[in-house]
PDB file of N, CA and C in Angstrom:
ATOM      1  N   MET A   1     251.828  98.400 226.010  1.00  0.00           N
ATOM      2  CA  MET A   1     251.085  98.796 227.179  1.00  0.00           C
ATOM      3  C   MET A   1     250.973  97.584 228.088  1.00  0.00           C
ATOM      4  N   ASP A   2     251.350  97.787 229.332  1.00  0.00           N
ATOM      5  CA  ASP A   2     251.224  96.712 230.316  1.00  0.00           C
ATOM      6  C   ASP A   2     249.754  96.529 230.674  1.00  0.00           C
ATOM      7  N   THR A   3     249.403  95.314 231.039  1.00  0.00           N
ATOM      8  CA  THR A   3     248.018  94.984 231.381  1.00  0.00           C
ATOM      9  C   THR A   3     247.985  94.259 232.720  1.00  0.00           C
ATOM     10  N   TYR A   4     247.019  94.642 233.551  1.00  0.00           N
ATOM     11  CA  TYR A   4     246.825  94.014 234.852  1.00  0.00           C
ATOM     12  C   TYR A   4     245.346  93.721 235.035  1.00  0.00           C
ATOM     13  N   THR A   5     245.062  92.647 235.753  1.00  0.00           N
ATOM     14  CA  THR A   5     243.673  92.400 236.118  1.00  0.00           C
ATOM     15  C   THR A   5     243.261  93.423 237.169  1.00  0.00           C
ATOM     16  N   LEU A   6     241.975  93.571 237.369  1.00  0.00           N
ATOM     17  CA  LEU A   6     241.485  94.506 238.377  1.00  0.00           C
ATOM     18  C   LEU A   6     242.029  94.150 239.760  1.00  0.00           C
ATOM     19  N   ALA A   7     242.062  92.852 240.081  1.00  0.00           N
ATOM     20  CA  ALA A   7     242.582  92.424 241.385  1.00  0.00           C
ATOM     21  C   ALA A   7     244.066  92.774 241.516  1.00  0.00           C
ATOM     22  N   GLU A   8     244.843  92.545 240.463  1.00  0.00           N
ATOM     23  CA  GLU A   8     246.266  92.890 240.502  1.00  0.00           C
ATOM     24  C   GLU A   8     246.457  94.394 240.658  1.00  0.00           C
ATOM     25  N   ALA A   9     245.684  95.167 239.897  1.00  0.00           N
ATOM     26  CA  ALA A   9     245.810  96.626 239.952  1.00  0.00           C
ATOM     27  C   ALA A   9     245.454  97.142 241.343  1.00  0.00           C
ATOM     28  N   ARG A  10     244.443  96.567 241.954  1.00  0.00           N
ATOM     29  CA  ARG A  10     244.057  96.980 243.309  1.00  0.00           C
ATOM     30  C   ARG A  10     245.220  96.738 244.274  1.00  0.00           C
ATOM     31  N   ASP A  11     245.843  95.583 244.156  1.00  0.00           N
ATOM     32  CA  ASP A  11     246.943  95.246 245.063  1.00  0.00           C
ATOM     33  C   ASP A  11     248.208  96.060 244.784  1.00  0.00           C
ATOM     34  N   LEU A  12     248.370  96.521 243.547  1.00  0.00           N
ATOM     35  CA  LEU A  12     249.594  97.223 243.147  1.00  0.00           C
ATOM     36  C   LEU A  12     249.361  98.688 242.801  1.00  0.00           C
ATOM     37  N   LEU A  13     248.246  99.256 243.232  1.00  0.00           N
ATOM     38  CA  LEU A  13     247.867 100.583 242.767  1.00  0.00           C
ATOM     39  C   LEU A  13     248.944 101.638 242.970  1.00  0.00           C
ATOM     40  N   ARG A  14     249.510 101.715 244.150  1.00  0.00           N
ATOM     41  CA  ARG A  14     250.517 102.756 244.399  1.00  0.00           C
ATOM     42  C   ARG A  14     251.704 102.652 243.429  1.00  0.00           C
ATOM     43  N   PRO A  15     252.338 101.487 243.269  1.00  0.00           N
ATOM     44  CA  PRO A  15     253.458 101.428 242.316  1.00  0.00           C
ATOM     45  C   PRO A  15     253.017 101.610 240.861  1.00  0.00           C
ATOM     46  N   LEU A  16     251.809 101.190 240.517  1.00  0.00           N
ATOM     47  CA  LEU A  16     251.326 101.407 239.152  1.00  0.00           C
ATOM     48  C   LEU A  16     251.163 102.894 238.875  1.00  0.00           C
ATOM     49  N   VAL A  17     250.565 103.617 239.810  1.00  0.00           N
ATOM     50  CA  VAL A  17     250.387 105.059 239.654  1.00  0.00           C
ATOM     51  C   VAL A  17     251.746 105.741 239.553  1.00  0.00           C
ATOM     52  N   GLU A  18     252.663 105.366 240.397  1.00  0.00           N
ATOM     53  CA  GLU A  18     253.995 105.972 240.365  1.00  0.00           C
ATOM     54  C   GLU A  18     254.689 105.694 239.034  1.00  0.00           C
ATOM     55  N   GLY A  19     254.546 104.487 238.532  1.00  0.00           N
ATOM     56  CA  GLY A  19     255.152 104.156 237.244  1.00  0.00           C
ATOM     57  C   GLY A  19     254.569 104.977 236.104  1.00  0.00           C
ATOM     58  N   VAL A  20     253.267 105.128 236.082  1.00  0.00           N
ATOM     59  CA  VAL A  20     252.623 105.930 235.045  1.00  0.00           C
ATOM     60  C   VAL A  20     253.036 107.395 235.190  1.00  0.00           C
ATOM     61  N   ARG A  21     253.047 107.876 236.411  1.00  0.00           N
ATOM     62  CA  ARG A  21     253.390 109.285 236.667  1.00  0.00           C
ATOM     63  C   ARG A  21     254.806 109.612 236.225  1.00  0.00           C
ATOM     64  N   THR A  22     255.724 108.667 236.333  1.00  0.00           N
ATOM     65  CA  THR A  22     257.127 108.921 235.994  1.00  0.00           C
ATOM     66  C   THR A  22     257.478 108.504 234.574  1.00  0.00           C
ATOM     67  N   GLY A  23     256.462 108.333 233.729  1.00  0.00           N
ATOM     68  CA  GLY A  23     256.727 108.084 232.316  1.00  0.00           C
ATOM     69  C   GLY A  23     256.724 106.632 231.899  1.00  0.00           C
ATOM     70  N   GLY A  24     256.221 105.755 232.733  1.00  0.00           N
ATOM     71  CA  GLY A  24     256.196 104.339 232.390  1.00  0.00           C
ATOM     72  C   GLY A  24     255.138 103.961 231.369  1.00  0.00           C
ATOM     73  N   GLY A  25     254.335 104.911 230.966  1.00  0.00           N
ATOM     74  CA  GLY A  25     253.316 104.651 229.952  1.00  0.00           C
ATOM     75  C   GLY A  25     252.001 104.225 230.554  1.00  0.00           C
ATOM     76  N   PRO A  26     250.993 104.150 229.713  1.00  0.00           N
ATOM     77  CA  PRO A  26     249.663 103.769 230.191  1.00  0.00           C
ATOM     78  C   PRO A  26     249.598 102.303 230.602  1.00  0.00           C
ATOM     79  N   ILE A  27     248.616 102.002 231.427  1.00  0.00           N
ATOM     80  CA  ILE A  27     248.395 100.634 231.900  1.00  0.00           C
ATOM     81  C   ILE A  27     246.927 100.290 231.694  1.00  0.00           C
ATOM     82  N   ALA A  28     246.684  99.183 231.019  1.00  0.00           N
ATOM     83  CA  ALA A  28     245.317  98.699 230.839  1.00  0.00           C
ATOM     84  C   ALA A  28     244.936  97.841 232.034  1.00  0.00           C
ATOM     85  N   ILE A  29     243.689  97.994 232.466  1.00  0.00           N
ATOM     86  CA  ILE A  29     243.163  97.177 233.561  1.00  0.00           C
ATOM     87  C   ILE A  29     241.989  96.381 233.007  1.00  0.00           C
ATOM     88  N   THR A  30     242.043  95.075 233.254  1.00  0.00           N
ATOM     89  CA  THR A  30     241.030  94.185 232.697  1.00  0.00           C
ATOM     90  C   THR A  30     240.099  93.668 233.777  1.00  0.00           C
ATOM     91  N   GLU A  31     238.929  93.289 233.334  1.00  0.00           N
ATOM     92  CA  GLU A  31     237.955  92.636 234.200  1.00  0.00           C
ATOM     93  C   GLU A  31     237.298  91.552 233.358  1.00  0.00           C
ATOM     94  N   GLY A  32     237.318  90.346 233.852  1.00  0.00           N
ATOM     95  CA  GLY A  32     236.771  89.235 233.085  1.00  0.00           C
ATOM     96  C   GLY A  32     237.523  88.990 231.790  1.00  0.00           C
ATOM     97  N   GLY A  33     238.807  89.333 231.786  1.00  0.00           N
ATOM     98  CA  GLY A  33     239.646  89.092 230.618  1.00  0.00           C
ATOM     99  C   GLY A  33     239.546  90.161 229.537  1.00  0.00           C
ATOM    100  N   ARG A  34     238.742  91.199 229.778  1.00  0.00           N
ATOM    101  CA  ARG A  34     238.569  92.264 228.781  1.00  0.00           C
ATOM    102  C   ARG A  34     239.053  93.592 229.347  1.00  0.00           C
ATOM    103  N   PRO A  35     239.732  94.395 228.534  1.00  0.00           N
ATOM    104  CA  PRO A  35     240.153  95.704 229.016  1.00  0.00           C
ATOM    105  C   PRO A  35     238.938  96.578 229.309  1.00  0.00           C
ATOM    106  N   VAL A  36     238.950  97.250 230.465  1.00  0.00           N
ATOM    107  CA  VAL A  36     237.819  98.093 230.836  1.00  0.00           C
ATOM    108  C   VAL A  36     238.226  99.542 231.101  1.00  0.00           C
ATOM    109  N   VAL A  37     239.450  99.776 231.541  1.00  0.00           N
ATOM    110  CA  VAL A  37     239.940 101.135 231.770  1.00  0.00           C
ATOM    111  C   VAL A  37     241.437 101.186 231.492  1.00  0.00           C
ATOM    112  N   VAL A  38     241.919 102.426 231.319  1.00  0.00           N
ATOM    113  CA  VAL A  38     243.351 102.639 231.134  1.00  0.00           C
ATOM    114  C   VAL A  38     243.800 103.704 232.120  1.00  0.00           C
ATOM    115  N   LEU A  39     244.881 103.436 232.802  1.00  0.00           N
ATOM    116  CA  LEU A  39     245.493 104.387 233.721  1.00  0.00           C
ATOM    117  C   LEU A  39     246.539 105.157 232.931  1.00  0.00           C
ATOM    118  N   ILE A  40     246.340 106.498 232.806  1.00  0.00           N
ATOM    119  CA  ILE A  40     247.296 107.326 232.073  1.00  0.00           C
ATOM    120  C   ILE A  40     247.665 108.542 232.916  1.00  0.00           C
ATOM    121  N   ALA A  41     248.793 109.136 232.583  1.00  0.00           N
ATOM    122  CA  ALA A  41     249.237 110.349 233.271  1.00  0.00           C
ATOM    123  C   ALA A  41     248.323 111.510 232.887  1.00  0.00           C
ATOM    124  N   VAL A  42     248.186 112.448 233.791  1.00  0.00           N
ATOM    125  CA  VAL A  42     247.343 113.624 233.552  1.00  0.00           C
ATOM    126  C   VAL A  42     247.796 114.369 232.297  1.00  0.00           C
ATOM    127  N   GLU A  43     249.080 114.470 232.087  1.00  0.00           N
ATOM    128  CA  GLU A  43     249.593 115.165 230.906  1.00  0.00           C
ATOM    129  C   GLU A  43     249.095 114.505 229.622  1.00  0.00           C
ATOM    130  N   GLU A  44     249.058 113.183 229.600  1.00  0.00           N
ATOM    131  CA  GLU A  44     248.554 112.474 228.419  1.00  0.00           C
ATOM    132  C   GLU A  44     247.069 112.726 228.224  1.00  0.00           C
ATOM    133  N   LEU A  45     246.315 112.716 229.305  1.00  0.00           N
ATOM    134  CA  LEU A  45     244.887 113.007 229.227  1.00  0.00           C
ATOM    135  C   LEU A  45     244.660 114.408 228.681  1.00  0.00           C
ATOM    136  N   GLU A  46     245.392 115.382 229.188  1.00  0.00           N
ATOM    137  CA  GLU A  46     245.239 116.754 228.719  1.00  0.00           C
ATOM    138  C   GLU A  46     245.564 116.879 227.239  1.00  0.00           C
ATOM    139  N   ALA A  47     246.609 116.184 226.787  1.00  0.00           N
ATOM    140  CA  ALA A  47     246.965 116.205 225.367  1.00  0.00           C
ATOM    141  C   ALA A  47     245.850 115.582 224.523  1.00  0.00           C
ATOM    142  N   LEU A  48     245.291 114.488 224.983  1.00  0.00           N
ATOM    143  CA  LEU A  48     244.182 113.857 224.260  1.00  0.00           C
ATOM    144  C   LEU A  48     242.962 114.769 224.209  1.00  0.00           C
ATOM    145  N   GLN A  49     242.681 115.460 225.306  1.00  0.00           N
ATOM    146  CA  GLN A  49     241.544 116.379 225.329  1.00  0.00           C
ATOM    147  C   GLN A  49     241.757 117.546 224.378  1.00  0.00           C
ATOM    148  N   ARG A  50     242.997 118.072 224.300  1.00  0.00           N
ATOM    149  CA  ARG A  50     243.293 119.148 223.350  1.00  0.00           C
ATOM    150  C   ARG A  50     243.077 118.679 221.924  1.00  0.00           C
ATOM    151  N   LEU A  51     243.547 117.475 221.610  1.00  0.00           N
ATOM    152  CA  LEU A  51     243.354 116.935 220.259  1.00  0.00           C
ATOM    153  C   LEU A  51     241.871 116.785 219.934  1.00  0.00           C
ATOM    154  N   ARG A  52     241.103 116.297 220.887  1.00  0.00           N
ATOM    155  CA  ARG A  52     239.666 116.141 220.677  1.00  0.00           C
ATOM    156  C   ARG A  52     238.997 117.488 220.466  1.00  0.00           C
ATOM    157  N   ASP A  53     239.378 118.469 221.292  1.00  0.00           N
ATOM    158  CA  ASP A  53     238.810 119.806 221.168  1.00  0.00           C
ATOM    159  C   ASP A  53     239.153 120.426 219.814  1.00  0.00           C
ATOM    160  N   GLU A  54     240.386 120.244 219.363  1.00  0.00           N
ATOM    161  CA  GLU A  54     240.789 120.769 218.060  1.00  0.00           C
ATOM    162  C   GLU A  54     240.021 120.094 216.931  1.00  0.00           C
ATOM    163  N   ALA A  55     239.835 118.779 217.044  1.00  0.00           N
ATOM    164  CA  ALA A  55     239.078 118.052 216.022  1.00  0.00           C
ATOM    165  C   ALA A  55     237.621 118.503 216.020  1.00  0.00           C
ATOM    166  N   ASP A  56     237.044 118.719 217.200  1.00  0.00           N
ATOM    167  CA  ASP A  56     235.662 119.197 217.296  1.00  0.00           C
ATOM    168  C   ASP A  56     235.535 120.580 216.680  1.00  0.00           C
ATOM    169  N   ALA A  57     236.498 121.455 216.959  1.00  0.00           N
ATOM    170  CA  ALA A  57     236.458 122.812 216.419  1.00  0.00           C
ATOM    171  C   ALA A  57     236.592 122.790 214.904  1.00  0.00           C
ATOM    172  N   ALA A  58     237.469 121.937 214.391  1.00  0.00           N
ATOM    173  CA  ALA A  58     237.639 121.829 212.938  1.00  0.00           C
ATOM    174  C   ALA A  58     236.360 121.297 212.292  1.00  0.00           C
ATOM    175  N   ALA A  59     235.745 120.318 212.911  1.00  0.00           N
ATOM    176  CA  ALA A  59     234.506 119.760 212.369  1.00  0.00           C
ATOM    177  C   ALA A  59     233.382 120.799 212.408  1.00  0.00           C
ATOM    178  N   ALA A  60     233.328 121.586 213.465  1.00  0.00           N
ATOM    179  CA  ALA A  60     232.289 122.625 213.577  1.00  0.00           C
ATOM    180  C   ALA A  60     232.526 123.697 212.517  1.00  0.00           C
ATOM    181  N   GLY A  61     233.789 124.023 212.265  1.00  0.00           N
ATOM    182  CA  GLY A  61     234.111 125.013 211.231  1.00  0.00           C
ATOM    183  C   GLY A  61     233.717 124.523 209.859  1.00  0.00           C
ATOM    184  N   GLU A  62     233.919 123.261 209.591  1.00  0.00           N
ATOM    185  CA  GLU A  62     233.539 122.678 208.302  1.00  0.00           C
ATOM    186  C   GLU A  62     232.031 122.641 208.137  1.00  0.00           C
ATOM    187  N   ALA A  63     231.320 122.424 209.234  1.00  0.00           N
ATOM    188  CA  ALA A  63     229.865 122.334 209.175  1.00  0.00           C
ATOM    189  C   ALA A  63     229.242 123.684 208.847  1.00  0.00           C
ATOM    190  N   CYS A  64     229.950 124.775 209.142  1.00  0.00           N
ATOM    191  CA  CYS A  64     229.418 126.119 208.886  1.00  0.00           C
ATOM    192  C   CYS A  64     229.498 126.477 207.415  1.00  0.00           C
ATOM    193  N   TRP A  65     230.278 125.793 206.633  1.00  0.00           N
ATOM    194  CA  TRP A  65     230.442 126.138 205.223  1.00  0.00           C
ATOM    195  C   TRP A  65     229.437 125.419 204.447  1.00  0.00           C
TER     196      TRP A  65
END
């Protein structure tokens, strides 16, 4: 995963977004030397949300027994 400082990401936002959108993978953005956010494609976010929802549903099903 590529990493950029917040200042770098601000200056390069358009090409960073385009790179992520076209399959370049997620990008970590740091502030004060620590990662604070990750820029990911919407498709990846949706997949992560589905996995979370499935895990929540499985956990809720187990709790009923």
